[in-house]
Amino acid sequence: MDLRMTGENILISIPESAPEKRPSGLFVPDSAGSPFAEALVVAVGPGRTLDNGALAKPEVAVGDWVLVNKHVGQEIERGGRTYRQVQPHAILAVVLPED
């Protein structure tokens, strides 16, 4: 990645998903399903500087999978790939690995 995020900014990648084929043979586009998506965190800023000068570090790290709204953030195109820049409040949850 040739970007370094600043402040609280977080860069995520939402994988493209193929339309789901139902038993009836109909294809349901991804847009008709859940409004949420799992995304990979690809870059994280250092955090937010508090009023007392301390640094509040982000709750996510590069490599985390997170749950976000599918249409959240600003799109950024780099190297033929599409990423989204989001703020920490846009991340709904960190997806934990299954046991």
N, C-alpha and C. Protein backbone atom coordinates (compact mmCIF):
# COMPACT_ATOMS: atom_id res chain seq x y z
N MET A 1 0.85 -1.17 0.00
CA MET A 1 0.00 0.00 0.00
C MET A 1 0.89 1.23 0.00
N ASP A 2 0.62 2.14 -0.89
CA ASP A 2 1.43 3.35 -1.00
C ASP A 2 0.76 4.56 -0.36
N LEU A 3 -0.13 4.31 0.60
CA LEU A 3 -0.78 5.39 1.33
C LEU A 3 -0.51 5.22 2.82
N ARG A 4 -0.30 6.34 3.52
CA ARG A 4 -0.19 6.33 4.97
C ARG A 4 -1.34 7.17 5.48
N MET A 5 -2.22 6.57 6.23
CA MET A 5 -3.40 7.27 6.72
C MET A 5 -2.99 8.22 7.85
N THR A 6 -3.72 9.32 7.96
CA THR A 6 -3.45 10.31 8.99
C THR A 6 -4.59 10.32 10.01
N GLY A 7 -4.30 10.81 11.21
CA GLY A 7 -5.33 10.97 12.24
C GLY A 7 -6.10 9.70 12.50
N GLU A 8 -7.42 9.82 12.51
CA GLU A 8 -8.31 8.70 12.80
C GLU A 8 -8.71 7.91 11.55
N ASN A 9 -8.22 8.30 10.40
CA ASN A 9 -8.66 7.68 9.16
C ASN A 9 -8.27 6.21 9.08
N ILE A 10 -9.20 5.42 8.52
CA ILE A 10 -9.00 3.98 8.35
C ILE A 10 -9.33 3.66 6.90
N LEU A 11 -8.49 2.86 6.26
CA LEU A 11 -8.72 2.45 4.87
C LEU A 11 -9.13 0.99 4.87
N ILE A 12 -10.27 0.70 4.22
CA ILE A 12 -10.77 -0.67 4.16
C ILE A 12 -10.96 -1.10 2.72
N SER A 13 -11.00 -2.41 2.53
CA SER A 13 -11.27 -2.99 1.23
C SER A 13 -12.47 -3.93 1.39
N ILE A 14 -13.54 -3.66 0.66
CA ILE A 14 -14.73 -4.52 0.70
C ILE A 14 -14.66 -5.43 -0.52
N PRO A 15 -14.49 -6.74 -0.30
CA PRO A 15 -14.40 -7.66 -1.43
C PRO A 15 -15.67 -7.66 -2.27
N GLU A 16 -15.50 -7.78 -3.56
CA GLU A 16 -16.65 -7.88 -4.46
C GLU A 16 -17.25 -9.26 -4.29
N SER A 17 -18.57 -9.34 -4.27
CA SER A 17 -19.21 -10.65 -4.15
C SER A 17 -20.07 -10.90 -5.38
N ALA A 18 -20.12 -12.15 -5.77
CA ALA A 18 -20.91 -12.55 -6.92
C ALA A 18 -22.38 -12.62 -6.53
N PRO A 19 -23.28 -12.41 -7.48
CA PRO A 19 -24.70 -12.54 -7.17
C PRO A 19 -25.00 -13.96 -6.66
N GLU A 20 -25.90 -14.05 -5.69
CA GLU A 20 -26.27 -15.33 -5.10
C GLU A 20 -27.31 -16.01 -5.97
N LYS A 21 -27.09 -17.31 -6.27
CA LYS A 21 -28.06 -18.06 -7.06
C LYS A 21 -29.00 -18.78 -6.10
N ARG A 22 -30.29 -18.49 -6.21
CA ARG A 22 -31.30 -19.12 -5.36
C ARG A 22 -31.70 -20.47 -5.95
N PRO A 23 -32.31 -21.35 -5.15
CA PRO A 23 -32.74 -22.66 -5.66
C PRO A 23 -33.66 -22.57 -6.87
N SER A 24 -34.39 -21.48 -6.99
CA SER A 24 -35.30 -21.30 -8.13
C SER A 24 -34.54 -21.01 -9.42
N GLY A 25 -33.23 -20.76 -9.31
CA GLY A 25 -32.44 -20.43 -10.48
C GLY A 25 -32.25 -18.94 -10.69
N LEU A 26 -32.96 -18.12 -9.91
CA LEU A 26 -32.82 -16.67 -10.02
C LEU A 26 -31.54 -16.22 -9.33
N PHE A 27 -30.93 -15.20 -9.90
CA PHE A 27 -29.74 -14.60 -9.29
C PHE A 27 -30.18 -13.35 -8.54
N VAL A 28 -29.78 -13.26 -7.28
CA VAL A 28 -30.12 -12.11 -6.44
C VAL A 28 -28.87 -11.26 -6.31
N PRO A 29 -28.91 -10.01 -6.78
CA PRO A 29 -27.72 -9.16 -6.69
C PRO A 29 -27.37 -8.86 -5.24
N ASP A 30 -26.11 -8.60 -4.99
CA ASP A 30 -25.63 -8.31 -3.66
C ASP A 30 -26.36 -7.13 -3.04
N SER A 31 -26.79 -6.19 -3.87
CA SER A 31 -27.48 -4.99 -3.37
C SER A 31 -28.84 -5.31 -2.76
N ALA A 32 -29.40 -6.48 -3.07
CA ALA A 32 -30.71 -6.85 -2.54
C ALA A 32 -30.60 -7.56 -1.20
N GLY A 33 -29.41 -7.92 -0.79
CA GLY A 33 -29.22 -8.65 0.46
C GLY A 33 -29.02 -7.73 1.64
N SER A 34 -28.16 -8.14 2.52
CA SER A 34 -27.89 -7.41 3.74
C SER A 34 -27.27 -6.04 3.44
N PRO A 35 -27.59 -5.03 4.27
CA PRO A 35 -26.98 -3.71 4.07
C PRO A 35 -25.56 -3.64 4.62
N PHE A 36 -25.08 -4.74 5.21
CA PHE A 36 -23.76 -4.76 5.83
C PHE A 36 -22.78 -5.59 5.02
N ALA A 37 -21.49 -5.31 5.20
CA ALA A 37 -20.45 -6.05 4.51
C ALA A 37 -19.26 -6.24 5.44
N GLU A 38 -18.54 -7.33 5.22
CA GLU A 38 -17.27 -7.53 5.92
C GLU A 38 -16.19 -6.89 5.07
N ALA A 39 -15.27 -6.20 5.72
CA ALA A 39 -14.21 -5.49 5.01
C ALA A 39 -12.88 -5.75 5.69
N LEU A 40 -11.82 -5.72 4.91
CA LEU A 40 -10.47 -5.91 5.42
C LEU A 40 -9.84 -4.55 5.68
N VAL A 41 -9.28 -4.37 6.87
CA VAL A 41 -8.58 -3.12 7.19
C VAL A 41 -7.20 -3.19 6.54
N VAL A 42 -6.88 -2.23 5.65
CA VAL A 42 -5.61 -2.24 4.93
C VAL A 42 -4.65 -1.15 5.38
N ALA A 43 -5.14 -0.11 6.04
CA ALA A 43 -4.27 0.95 6.57
C ALA A 43 -5.01 1.67 7.69
N VAL A 44 -4.25 2.09 8.71
CA VAL A 44 -4.84 2.75 9.87
C VAL A 44 -3.97 3.94 10.25
N GLY A 45 -4.62 5.08 10.51
CA GLY A 45 -3.89 6.25 10.98
C GLY A 45 -3.45 6.05 12.43
N PRO A 46 -2.61 6.95 12.94
CA PRO A 46 -2.08 6.79 14.29
C PRO A 46 -3.11 7.00 15.39
N GLY A 47 -4.23 7.64 15.09
CA GLY A 47 -5.27 7.86 16.09
C GLY A 47 -5.59 9.33 16.24
N ARG A 48 -6.34 9.64 17.29
CA ARG A 48 -6.82 11.00 17.53
C ARG A 48 -6.09 11.59 18.73
N THR A 49 -5.67 12.83 18.59
CA THR A 49 -5.02 13.53 19.70
C THR A 49 -6.10 14.13 20.60
N LEU A 50 -6.06 13.75 21.86
CA LEU A 50 -7.03 14.25 22.84
C LEU A 50 -6.67 15.65 23.30
N ASP A 51 -7.58 16.32 23.97
CA ASP A 51 -7.36 17.68 24.45
C ASP A 51 -6.14 17.79 25.37
N ASN A 52 -5.84 16.72 26.12
CA ASN A 52 -4.69 16.75 27.03
C ASN A 52 -3.37 16.38 26.33
N GLY A 53 -3.43 16.18 25.02
CA GLY A 53 -2.23 15.86 24.25
C GLY A 53 -1.95 14.38 24.09
N ALA A 54 -2.68 13.54 24.81
CA ALA A 54 -2.49 12.08 24.70
C ALA A 54 -3.07 11.59 23.37
N LEU A 55 -2.56 10.47 22.91
CA LEU A 55 -3.02 9.89 21.65
C LEU A 55 -3.98 8.74 21.94
N ALA A 56 -5.20 8.84 21.41
CA ALA A 56 -6.18 7.75 21.51
C ALA A 56 -5.98 6.86 20.30
N LYS A 57 -5.39 5.69 20.52
CA LYS A 57 -5.07 4.79 19.41
C LYS A 57 -6.34 4.12 18.87
N PRO A 58 -6.32 3.74 17.60
CA PRO A 58 -7.49 3.10 17.00
C PRO A 58 -7.75 1.72 17.62
N GLU A 59 -9.01 1.29 17.54
CA GLU A 59 -9.40 -0.02 18.07
C GLU A 59 -9.18 -1.14 17.07
N VAL A 60 -8.84 -0.80 15.83
CA VAL A 60 -8.61 -1.81 14.79
C VAL A 60 -7.17 -1.73 14.32
N ALA A 61 -6.72 -2.81 13.69
CA ALA A 61 -5.36 -2.87 13.16
C ALA A 61 -5.39 -3.42 11.74
N VAL A 62 -4.33 -3.17 11.01
CA VAL A 62 -4.21 -3.70 9.65
C VAL A 62 -4.34 -5.22 9.73
N GLY A 63 -5.16 -5.76 8.84
CA GLY A 63 -5.40 -7.21 8.81
C GLY A 63 -6.68 -7.64 9.50
N ASP A 64 -7.29 -6.74 10.31
CA ASP A 64 -8.57 -7.06 10.95
C ASP A 64 -9.67 -7.10 9.90
N TRP A 65 -10.65 -7.98 10.13
CA TRP A 65 -11.88 -7.97 9.34
C TRP A 65 -12.93 -7.27 10.18
N VAL A 66 -13.66 -6.33 9.58
CA VAL A 66 -14.64 -5.54 10.30
C VAL A 66 -15.98 -5.57 9.59
N LEU A 67 -17.03 -5.23 10.33
CA LEU A 67 -18.37 -5.15 9.78
C LEU A 67 -18.72 -3.68 9.60
N VAL A 68 -19.13 -3.31 8.38
CA VAL A 68 -19.48 -1.93 8.05
C VAL A 68 -20.74 -1.91 7.20
N ASN A 69 -21.34 -0.74 7.06
CA ASN A 69 -22.41 -0.55 6.10
C ASN A 69 -21.78 -0.63 4.71
N LYS A 70 -22.44 -1.27 3.76
CA LYS A 70 -21.88 -1.47 2.42
C LYS A 70 -21.49 -0.17 1.71
N HIS A 71 -22.18 0.91 2.00
CA HIS A 71 -21.97 2.15 1.25
C HIS A 71 -21.29 3.23 2.07
N VAL A 72 -20.56 2.83 3.09
CA VAL A 72 -19.93 3.79 3.99
C VAL A 72 -18.64 4.36 3.38
N GLY A 73 -18.28 5.56 3.78
CA GLY A 73 -16.98 6.13 3.44
C GLY A 73 -16.83 6.71 2.05
N GLN A 74 -15.62 7.19 1.82
CA GLN A 74 -15.26 7.79 0.53
C GLN A 74 -14.44 6.80 -0.28
N GLU A 75 -14.80 6.59 -1.53
CA GLU A 75 -14.05 5.68 -2.38
C GLU A 75 -12.71 6.29 -2.79
N ILE A 76 -11.68 5.46 -2.79
CA ILE A 76 -10.35 5.86 -3.23
C ILE A 76 -9.85 4.78 -4.19
N GLU A 77 -9.45 5.18 -5.38
CA GLU A 77 -8.90 4.25 -6.38
C GLU A 77 -7.39 4.32 -6.35
N ARG A 78 -6.72 3.19 -6.15
CA ARG A 78 -5.25 3.13 -6.17
C ARG A 78 -4.83 1.81 -6.78
N GLY A 79 -3.95 1.87 -7.76
CA GLY A 79 -3.40 0.65 -8.35
C GLY A 79 -4.45 -0.29 -8.91
N GLY A 80 -5.53 0.26 -9.46
CA GLY A 80 -6.58 -0.58 -10.05
C GLY A 80 -7.52 -1.20 -9.03
N ARG A 81 -7.38 -0.86 -7.76
CA ARG A 81 -8.26 -1.40 -6.72
C ARG A 81 -9.06 -0.27 -6.10
N THR A 82 -10.21 -0.60 -5.56
CA THR A 82 -11.06 0.39 -4.91
C THR A 82 -11.04 0.16 -3.41
N TYR A 83 -10.78 1.22 -2.67
CA TYR A 83 -10.77 1.19 -1.22
C TYR A 83 -11.78 2.21 -0.72
N ARG A 84 -12.08 2.16 0.57
CA ARG A 84 -12.95 3.16 1.19
C ARG A 84 -12.26 3.71 2.43
N GLN A 85 -12.28 5.02 2.56
CA GLN A 85 -11.75 5.70 3.73
C GLN A 85 -12.91 5.90 4.67
N VAL A 86 -12.76 5.42 5.93
CA VAL A 86 -13.83 5.55 6.92
C VAL A 86 -13.28 6.12 8.22
N GLN A 87 -14.17 6.59 9.06
CA GLN A 87 -13.86 7.04 10.41
C GLN A 87 -14.15 5.90 11.38
N PRO A 88 -13.56 5.90 12.56
CA PRO A 88 -13.78 4.81 13.51
C PRO A 88 -15.25 4.54 13.83
N HIS A 89 -16.08 5.59 13.89
CA HIS A 89 -17.49 5.38 14.23
C HIS A 89 -18.25 4.61 13.14
N ALA A 90 -17.69 4.49 11.94
CA ALA A 90 -18.34 3.77 10.85
C ALA A 90 -18.14 2.26 10.96
N ILE A 91 -17.20 1.85 11.81
CA ILE A 91 -16.95 0.42 11.99
C ILE A 91 -17.90 -0.08 13.07
N LEU A 92 -18.75 -1.03 12.70
CA LEU A 92 -19.77 -1.53 13.61
C LEU A 92 -19.23 -2.60 14.56
N ALA A 93 -18.30 -3.43 14.08
CA ALA A 93 -17.75 -4.51 14.90
C ALA A 93 -16.50 -5.07 14.24
N VAL A 94 -15.67 -5.69 15.05
CA VAL A 94 -14.53 -6.46 14.54
C VAL A 94 -15.00 -7.90 14.45
N VAL A 95 -14.76 -8.55 13.31
CA VAL A 95 -15.18 -9.92 13.09
C VAL A 95 -14.09 -10.82 13.70
N LEU A 96 -14.49 -11.61 14.69
CA LEU A 96 -13.54 -12.50 15.36
C LEU A 96 -13.46 -13.83 14.63
N PRO A 97 -12.28 -14.46 14.64
CA PRO A 97 -12.15 -15.76 13.97
C PRO A 97 -13.00 -16.81 14.66
N GLU A 98 -13.53 -17.74 13.87
CA GLU A 98 -14.32 -18.82 14.43
C GLU A 98 -13.40 -19.85 15.05
N ASP A 99 -13.86 -20.46 16.13
CA ASP A 99 -13.05 -21.49 16.79
C ASP A 99 -13.09 -22.79 16.05
